[in-house]
Amino acid sequence: MSKNILVTGTSRGIGAAIFSALSGNKTVGHSSKGGDNQIAADLSQPGAAEALWTQAIDRLGHIDVLINNAGIFEASPIEVGHDAWLDGWERTMRINLTASAELCRLAVLHFRTRGDGRIVNVASRAAYRGDSPQHWHYAASKAGMIGMTKSIARGYAGENILAFAVCPGFTMTGMADDYLESRGGAKLLADIPLGRVAQPEEVAETVRWLALDAPPSATGAVIDVNGASYVR
């Protein structure tokens, strides 16, 4: 049965692959500037997440599945000035975690009126193994997503509201390309037993399964897609 789905961050990479994987459903995407089947919303700005949700409801009538994929990966070395470091921390938290939390809250409230719903949050292996010294804020934001996902799963499973997370490692997107180059490229690949980074389509298929087909008893699950570069 076709579902009404909101996916954030669909302009490229994993988000674009997720949008494609959900063909056959009534899906609305999102990007900062908007575009075909994308609602424009700058999630760094207060109020943007709520406005995005409202516009998605206006387009779809109701929402069955929320997929939080939007995020940024911007370096913030501790050597920069304090104000600049704090600005980087707060910008990353606002986009990666706070906006996702706002959308999750709105989704749970909406799902409670309908009797069911699913949330899939795209986090990162950094939530568990940390990240580089320039990316404390990124790792912390993704760890927050995992804690939030598990809390939602535990709190609302009895109301048929399910929550899942996916933790990609390096994925062949623009952000990963830049990071690989900055960290030595091939040397970094040696840390991935599979011998290559994940493709966006691999992450997207995992998200699609959780959004549409995963059994309810799997709520709260976090699935790693990282080529065994980090195993728990």
C-alpha atoms as a PDB file:
ATOM      1  CA  MET A   1       0.000   0.000   0.000  1.00  0.00           C
ATOM      2  CA  SER A   2       1.333   3.428  -0.940  1.00  0.00           C
ATOM      3  CA  LYS A   3       2.491   5.632   1.937  1.00  0.00           C
ATOM      4  CA  ASN A   4       2.725   9.390   2.374  1.00  0.00           C
ATOM      5  CA  ILE A   5       6.338  10.171   3.237  1.00  0.00           C
ATOM      6  CA  LEU A   6       8.404  13.240   4.125  1.00  0.00           C
ATOM      7  CA  VAL A   7      12.163  12.949   3.566  1.00  0.00           C
ATOM      8  CA  THR A   8      14.562  15.744   4.517  1.00  0.00           C
ATOM      9  CA  GLY A   9      17.778  16.505   2.676  1.00  0.00           C
ATOM     10  CA  THR A  10      16.929  15.044  -0.726  1.00  0.00           C
ATOM     11  CA  SER A  11      18.938  17.319  -3.009  1.00  0.00           C
ATOM     12  CA  ARG A  12      21.845  14.890  -3.439  1.00  0.00           C
ATOM     13  CA  GLY A  13      23.664  11.856  -2.104  1.00  0.00           C
ATOM     14  CA  ILE A  14      21.889   9.594   0.356  1.00  0.00           C
ATOM     15  CA  GLY A  15      18.761  11.739   0.409  1.00  0.00           C
ATOM     16  CA  ALA A  16      18.345  11.665  -3.358  1.00  0.00           C
ATOM     17  CA  ALA A  17      18.854   7.894  -3.307  1.00  0.00           C
ATOM     18  CA  ILE A  18      16.252   7.509  -0.564  1.00  0.00           C
ATOM     19  CA  PHE A  19      13.758   9.555  -2.549  1.00  0.00           C
ATOM     20  CA  SER A  20      14.348   7.336  -5.590  1.00  0.00           C
ATOM     21  CA  ALA A  21      14.059   4.137  -3.538  1.00  0.00           C
ATOM     22  CA  LEU A  22      10.620   5.229  -2.346  1.00  0.00           C
ATOM     23  CA  SER A  23       9.157   5.476  -5.851  1.00  0.00           C
ATOM     24  CA  GLY A  24       5.609   4.190  -5.874  1.00  0.00           C
ATOM     25  CA  ASN A  25       4.793   6.114  -2.725  1.00  0.00           C
ATOM     26  CA  LYS A  26       3.594   9.680  -2.362  1.00  0.00           C
ATOM     27  CA  THR A  27       6.847  11.257  -1.230  1.00  0.00           C
ATOM     28  CA  VAL A  28       7.774  14.871  -0.584  1.00  0.00           C
ATOM     29  CA  GLY A  29      11.414  15.844  -0.328  1.00  0.00           C
ATOM     30  CA  HIS A  30      13.204  18.837   1.126  1.00  0.00           C
ATOM     31  CA  SER A  31      16.264  20.958   0.449  1.00  0.00           C
ATOM     32  CA  SER A  32      17.497  24.372   1.495  1.00  0.00           C
ATOM     33  CA  LYS A  33      16.577  25.932  -1.862  1.00  0.00           C
ATOM     34  CA  GLY A  34      13.663  23.700  -2.891  1.00  0.00           C
ATOM     35  CA  GLY A  35      13.051  22.305  -6.356  1.00  0.00           C
ATOM     36  CA  ASP A  36      11.101  19.535  -8.057  1.00  0.00           C
ATOM     37  CA  ASN A  37       9.193  17.640  -5.359  1.00  0.00           C
ATOM     38  CA  GLN A  38      11.259  19.479  -2.728  1.00  0.00           C
ATOM     39  CA  ILE A  39      10.015  21.949  -0.150  1.00  0.00           C
ATOM     40  CA  ALA A  40      12.478  24.752   0.566  1.00  0.00           C
ATOM     41  CA  ALA A  41      13.514  25.110   4.204  1.00  0.00           C
ATOM     42  CA  ASP A  42      16.753  26.331   5.786  1.00  0.00           C
ATOM     43  CA  LEU A  43      16.886  24.100   8.856  1.00  0.00           C
ATOM     44  CA  SER A  44      19.530  26.305  10.458  1.00  0.00           C
ATOM     45  CA  GLN A  45      16.792  28.864  11.076  1.00  0.00           C
ATOM     46  CA  PRO A  46      14.359  28.712  14.010  1.00  0.00           C
ATOM     47  CA  GLY A  47      10.855  27.853  12.846  1.00  0.00           C
ATOM     48  CA  ALA A  48      11.980  26.265   9.576  1.00  0.00           C
ATOM     49  CA  ALA A  49      11.321  22.678  10.655  1.00  0.00           C
ATOM     50  CA  GLU A  50       7.780  23.451  11.760  1.00  0.00           C
ATOM     51  CA  ALA A  51       7.093  25.330   8.523  1.00  0.00           C
ATOM     52  CA  LEU A  52       8.442  22.379   6.527  1.00  0.00           C
ATOM     53  CA  TRP A  53       6.128  19.987   8.368  1.00  0.00           C
ATOM     54  CA  THR A  54       3.124  22.237   7.816  1.00  0.00           C
ATOM     55  CA  GLN A  55       3.823  22.525   4.089  1.00  0.00           C
ATOM     56  CA  ALA A  56       4.295  18.768   3.792  1.00  0.00           C
ATOM     57  CA  ILE A  57       0.930  18.169   5.478  1.00  0.00           C
ATOM     58  CA  ASP A  58      -0.642  20.681   3.108  1.00  0.00           C
ATOM     59  CA  ARG A  59       0.727  18.775   0.113  1.00  0.00           C
ATOM     60  CA  LEU A  60       0.105  15.243   1.328  1.00  0.00           C
ATOM     61  CA  GLY A  61      -2.959  15.583   3.553  1.00  0.00           C
ATOM     62  CA  HIS A  62      -1.338  13.366   6.146  1.00  0.00           C
ATOM     63  CA  ILE A  63       2.055  11.753   6.724  1.00  0.00           C
ATOM     64  CA  ASP A  64       2.697   8.060   7.392  1.00  0.00           C
ATOM     65  CA  VAL A  65       6.500   8.109   7.520  1.00  0.00           C
ATOM     66  CA  LEU A  66       9.096  10.730   8.469  1.00  0.00           C
ATOM     67  CA  ILE A  67      12.699  10.236   7.348  1.00  0.00           C
ATOM     68  CA  ASN A  68      15.232  12.637   8.853  1.00  0.00           C
ATOM     69  CA  ASN A  69      18.244  12.659   6.545  1.00  0.00           C
ATOM     70  CA  ALA A  70      19.257  16.334   6.317  1.00  0.00           C
ATOM     71  CA  GLY A  71      22.592  17.111   7.896  1.00  0.00           C
ATOM     72  CA  ILE A  72      25.881  18.953   7.564  1.00  0.00           C
ATOM     73  CA  PHE A  73      29.492  17.885   8.065  1.00  0.00           C
ATOM     74  CA  GLU A  74      31.566  21.015   8.617  1.00  0.00           C
ATOM     75  CA  ALA A  75      34.961  21.107  10.288  1.00  0.00           C
ATOM     76  CA  SER A  76      35.415  23.183  13.434  1.00  0.00           C
ATOM     77  CA  PRO A  77      38.967  22.815  14.802  1.00  0.00           C
ATOM     78  CA  ILE A  78      39.420  23.625  18.487  1.00  0.00           C
ATOM     79  CA  GLU A  79      42.160  26.090  17.506  1.00  0.00           C
ATOM     80  CA  VAL A  80      39.728  28.581  15.990  1.00  0.00           C
ATOM     81  CA  GLY A  81      38.441  31.393  18.184  1.00  0.00           C
ATOM     82  CA  HIS A  82      35.933  30.479  20.856  1.00  0.00           C
ATOM     83  CA  ASP A  83      33.020  32.294  19.250  1.00  0.00           C
ATOM     84  CA  ALA A  84      33.705  30.720  15.853  1.00  0.00           C
ATOM     85  CA  TRP A  85      33.977  27.251  17.420  1.00  0.00           C
ATOM     86  CA  LEU A  86      30.726  27.736  19.319  1.00  0.00           C
ATOM     87  CA  ASP A  87      28.979  29.026  16.198  1.00  0.00           C
ATOM     88  CA  GLY A  88      30.040  25.871  14.348  1.00  0.00           C
ATOM     89  CA  TRP A  89      28.847  23.672  17.205  1.00  0.00           C
ATOM     90  CA  GLU A  90      25.452  25.359  17.412  1.00  0.00           C
ATOM     91  CA  ARG A  91      24.906  25.390  13.637  1.00  0.00           C
ATOM     92  CA  THR A  92      25.620  21.658  13.409  1.00  0.00           C
ATOM     93  CA  MET A  93      23.362  20.887  16.370  1.00  0.00           C
ATOM     94  CA  ARG A  94      20.568  23.047  14.992  1.00  0.00           C
ATOM     95  CA  ILE A  95      20.541  21.325  11.582  1.00  0.00           C
ATOM     96  CA  ASN A  96      21.534  17.770  12.479  1.00  0.00           C
ATOM     97  CA  LEU A  97      19.738  17.306  15.792  1.00  0.00           C
ATOM     98  CA  THR A  98      17.355  20.084  16.808  1.00  0.00           C
ATOM     99  CA  ALA A  99      15.505  20.267  13.495  1.00  0.00           C
ATOM    100  CA  SER A 100      15.243  16.473  13.467  1.00  0.00           C
ATOM    101  CA  ALA A 101      13.891  16.549  17.020  1.00  0.00           C
ATOM    102  CA  GLU A 102      11.302  19.161  16.073  1.00  0.00           C
ATOM    103  CA  LEU A 103      10.129  17.056  13.154  1.00  0.00           C
ATOM    104  CA  CYS A 104      10.058  13.903  15.288  1.00  0.00           C
ATOM    105  CA  ARG A 105       7.900  15.662  17.877  1.00  0.00           C
ATOM    106  CA  LEU A 106       5.478  16.901  15.231  1.00  0.00           C
ATOM    107  CA  ALA A 107       5.386  13.441  13.668  1.00  0.00           C
ATOM    108  CA  VAL A 108       4.635  11.690  16.965  1.00  0.00           C
ATOM    109  CA  LEU A 109       1.809  14.120  17.710  1.00  0.00           C
ATOM    110  CA  HIS A 110       0.426  13.594  14.199  1.00  0.00           C
ATOM    111  CA  PHE A 111       0.789   9.802  14.338  1.00  0.00           C
ATOM    112  CA  ARG A 112      -1.046   9.658  17.657  1.00  0.00           C
ATOM    113  CA  THR A 113      -4.131  11.110  15.974  1.00  0.00           C
ATOM    114  CA  ARG A 114      -3.922   8.472  13.231  1.00  0.00           C
ATOM    115  CA  GLY A 115      -3.036   5.400  15.283  1.00  0.00           C
ATOM    116  CA  ASP A 116       0.329   4.581  13.743  1.00  0.00           C
ATOM    117  CA  GLY A 117       3.418   5.921  11.954  1.00  0.00           C
ATOM    118  CA  ARG A 118       7.124   5.386  11.404  1.00  0.00           C
ATOM    119  CA  ILE A 119      10.241   7.494  11.852  1.00  0.00           C
ATOM    120  CA  VAL A 120      13.634   6.668  10.349  1.00  0.00           C
ATOM    121  CA  ASN A 121      16.593   8.795  11.423  1.00  0.00           C
ATOM    122  CA  VAL A 122      19.804   8.734   9.388  1.00  0.00           C
ATOM    123  CA  ALA A 123      22.625   9.043  11.913  1.00  0.00           C
ATOM    124  CA  SER A 124      26.247   7.923  11.473  1.00  0.00           C
ATOM    125  CA  ARG A 125      28.783   5.438  12.779  1.00  0.00           C
ATOM    126  CA  ALA A 126      30.299   8.540  14.409  1.00  0.00           C
ATOM    127  CA  ALA A 127      27.490   8.280  16.969  1.00  0.00           C
ATOM    128  CA  TYR A 128      29.271   5.234  18.393  1.00  0.00           C
ATOM    129  CA  ARG A 129      32.949   5.478  17.448  1.00  0.00           C
ATOM    130  CA  GLY A 130      33.346   9.260  17.395  1.00  0.00           C
ATOM    131  CA  ASP A 131      34.918  11.278  14.590  1.00  0.00           C
ATOM    132  CA  SER A 132      37.960  13.428  13.863  1.00  0.00           C
ATOM    133  CA  PRO A 133      39.207  16.173  16.223  1.00  0.00           C
ATOM    134  CA  GLN A 134      37.591  18.715  13.872  1.00  0.00           C
ATOM    135  CA  HIS A 135      34.163  17.068  14.147  1.00  0.00           C
ATOM    136  CA  TRP A 136      33.234  16.705  17.814  1.00  0.00           C
ATOM    137  CA  HIS A 137      29.965  18.467  17.078  1.00  0.00           C
ATOM    138  CA  TYR A 138      29.067  16.124  14.216  1.00  0.00           C
ATOM    139  CA  ALA A 139      29.611  13.001  16.328  1.00  0.00           C
ATOM    140  CA  ALA A 140      27.672  14.488  19.222  1.00  0.00           C
ATOM    141  CA  SER A 141      24.739  15.437  16.995  1.00  0.00           C
ATOM    142  CA  LYS A 142      24.509  11.925  15.583  1.00  0.00           C
ATOM    143  CA  ALA A 143      24.783  10.334  19.031  1.00  0.00           C
ATOM    144  CA  GLY A 144      21.882  12.567  20.038  1.00  0.00           C
ATOM    145  CA  MET A 145      19.846  11.228  17.122  1.00  0.00           C
ATOM    146  CA  ILE A 146      20.387   7.670  18.339  1.00  0.00           C
ATOM    147  CA  GLY A 147      19.324   8.501  21.893  1.00  0.00           C
ATOM    148  CA  MET A 148      16.260  10.307  20.571  1.00  0.00           C
ATOM    149  CA  THR A 149      15.320   7.411  18.282  1.00  0.00           C
ATOM    150  CA  LYS A 150      15.522   4.856  21.068  1.00  0.00           C
ATOM    151  CA  SER A 151      13.510   7.093  23.396  1.00  0.00           C
ATOM    152  CA  ILE A 152      10.752   7.469  20.806  1.00  0.00           C
ATOM    153  CA  ALA A 153      10.718   3.725  20.166  1.00  0.00           C
ATOM    154  CA  ARG A 154      10.421   2.903  23.864  1.00  0.00           C
ATOM    155  CA  GLY A 155       7.922   5.651  24.576  1.00  0.00           C
ATOM    156  CA  TYR A 156       5.417   5.118  21.792  1.00  0.00           C
ATOM    157  CA  ALA A 157       5.609   1.505  20.588  1.00  0.00           C
ATOM    158  CA  GLY A 158       2.385   0.803  22.459  1.00  0.00           C
ATOM    159  CA  GLU A 159       0.675   3.355  20.204  1.00  0.00           C
ATOM    160  CA  ASN A 160       2.011   1.723  17.019  1.00  0.00           C
ATOM    161  CA  ILE A 161       4.525   4.541  16.507  1.00  0.00           C
ATOM    162  CA  LEU A 162       7.814   2.980  15.447  1.00  0.00           C
ATOM    163  CA  ALA A 163      11.278   4.512  15.280  1.00  0.00           C
ATOM    164  CA  PHE A 164      14.466   3.256  13.670  1.00  0.00           C
ATOM    165  CA  ALA A 165      17.920   4.588  12.848  1.00  0.00           C
ATOM    166  CA  VAL A 166      20.556   3.898  10.220  1.00  0.00           C
ATOM    167  CA  CYS A 167      24.254   4.518  10.834  1.00  0.00           C
ATOM    168  CA  PRO A 168      26.224   4.815   7.606  1.00  0.00           C
ATOM    169  CA  GLY A 169      29.992   4.976   7.579  1.00  0.00           C
ATOM    170  CA  PHE A 170      31.693   6.652   4.644  1.00  0.00           C
ATOM    171  CA  THR A 171      29.253   6.888   1.758  1.00  0.00           C
ATOM    172  CA  MET A 172      30.098   8.028  -1.750  1.00  0.00           C
ATOM    173  CA  THR A 173      28.611  11.508  -1.505  1.00  0.00           C
ATOM    174  CA  GLY A 174      30.072  14.971  -1.890  1.00  0.00           C
ATOM    175  CA  MET A 175      30.637  15.281   1.865  1.00  0.00           C
ATOM    176  CA  ALA A 176      32.437  11.932   2.071  1.00  0.00           C
ATOM    177  CA  ASP A 177      34.571  12.690  -0.984  1.00  0.00           C
ATOM    178  CA  ASP A 178      35.854  15.890   0.602  1.00  0.00           C
ATOM    179  CA  TYR A 179      36.521  14.157   3.912  1.00  0.00           C
ATOM    180  CA  LEU A 180      38.333  11.208   2.331  1.00  0.00           C
ATOM    181  CA  GLU A 181      40.592  13.578   0.434  1.00  0.00           C
ATOM    182  CA  SER A 182      41.374  15.582   3.569  1.00  0.00           C
ATOM    183  CA  ARG A 183      42.250  12.439   5.548  1.00  0.00           C
ATOM    184  CA  GLY A 184      44.491  10.688   3.033  1.00  0.00           C
ATOM    185  CA  GLY A 185      42.066   8.918   0.732  1.00  0.00           C
ATOM    186  CA  ALA A 186      43.329   5.378   0.125  1.00  0.00           C
ATOM    187  CA  LYS A 187      44.917   5.137   3.575  1.00  0.00           C
ATOM    188  CA  LEU A 188      41.555   5.740   5.173  1.00  0.00           C
ATOM    189  CA  LEU A 189      39.966   3.001   3.055  1.00  0.00           C
ATOM    190  CA  ALA A 190      42.288   0.519   4.741  1.00  0.00           C
ATOM    191  CA  ASP A 191      40.070   0.903   7.828  1.00  0.00           C
ATOM    192  CA  ILE A 192      37.080  -0.530   5.922  1.00  0.00           C
ATOM    193  CA  PRO A 193      37.248  -4.353   5.739  1.00  0.00           C
ATOM    194  CA  LEU A 194      34.870  -4.378   2.764  1.00  0.00           C
ATOM    195  CA  GLY A 195      37.508  -2.406   0.862  1.00  0.00           C
ATOM    196  CA  ARG A 196      35.243   0.381  -0.343  1.00  0.00           C
ATOM    197  CA  VAL A 197      32.864   3.033   0.940  1.00  0.00           C
ATOM    198  CA  ALA A 198      29.121   2.408   0.819  1.00  0.00           C
ATOM    199  CA  GLN A 199      27.041   3.513  -2.124  1.00  0.00           C
ATOM    200  CA  PRO A 200      24.092   5.834  -1.437  1.00  0.00           C
ATOM    201  CA  GLU A 201      21.760   3.187  -2.841  1.00  0.00           C
ATOM    202  CA  GLU A 202      22.854   0.736  -0.137  1.00  0.00           C
ATOM    203  CA  VAL A 203      21.931   3.153   2.613  1.00  0.00           C
ATOM    204  CA  ALA A 204      18.726   4.073   0.802  1.00  0.00           C
ATOM    205  CA  GLU A 205      17.600   0.454   0.567  1.00  0.00           C
ATOM    206  CA  THR A 206      18.120   0.044   4.309  1.00  0.00           C
ATOM    207  CA  VAL A 207      16.083   3.171   4.982  1.00  0.00           C
ATOM    208  CA  ARG A 208      13.357   2.021   2.581  1.00  0.00           C
ATOM    209  CA  TRP A 209      13.065  -1.340   4.350  1.00  0.00           C
ATOM    210  CA  LEU A 210      12.780   0.269   7.765  1.00  0.00           C
ATOM    211  CA  ALA A 211      10.270   2.832   6.512  1.00  0.00           C
ATOM    212  CA  LEU A 212       7.984   0.330   4.796  1.00  0.00           C
ATOM    213  CA  ASP A 213       8.690  -3.321   5.575  1.00  0.00           C
ATOM    214  CA  ALA A 214      10.536  -3.828   8.857  1.00  0.00           C
ATOM    215  CA  PRO A 215       8.436  -5.754  11.401  1.00  0.00           C
ATOM    216  CA  PRO A 216       7.057  -3.723  14.308  1.00  0.00           C
ATOM    217  CA  SER A 217       9.126  -5.736  16.774  1.00  0.00           C
ATOM    218  CA  ALA A 218      12.256  -4.202  15.237  1.00  0.00           C
ATOM    219  CA  THR A 219      11.337  -0.746  16.569  1.00  0.00           C
ATOM    220  CA  GLY A 220      14.291   0.884  18.266  1.00  0.00           C
ATOM    221  CA  ALA A 221      16.763  -0.918  16.019  1.00  0.00           C
ATOM    222  CA  VAL A 222      19.871   0.784  14.678  1.00  0.00           C
ATOM    223  CA  ILE A 223      21.335  -0.717  11.499  1.00  0.00           C
ATOM    224  CA  ASP A 224      24.977  -0.151  10.570  1.00  0.00           C
ATOM    225  CA  VAL A 225      25.920   0.304   6.897  1.00  0.00           C
ATOM    226  CA  ASN A 226      29.662   0.813   7.117  1.00  0.00           C
ATOM    227  CA  GLY A 227      31.488  -2.133   5.547  1.00  0.00           C
ATOM    228  CA  ALA A 228      32.396  -3.488   9.012  1.00  0.00           C
ATOM    229  CA  SER A 229      34.567  -0.436   9.724  1.00  0.00           C
ATOM    230  CA  TYR A 230      32.787  -0.273  13.047  1.00  0.00           C
ATOM    231  CA  VAL A 231      30.936  -3.202  14.589  1.00  0.00           C
ATOM    232  CA  ARG A 232      29.025  -3.278  17.854  1.00  0.00           C
END
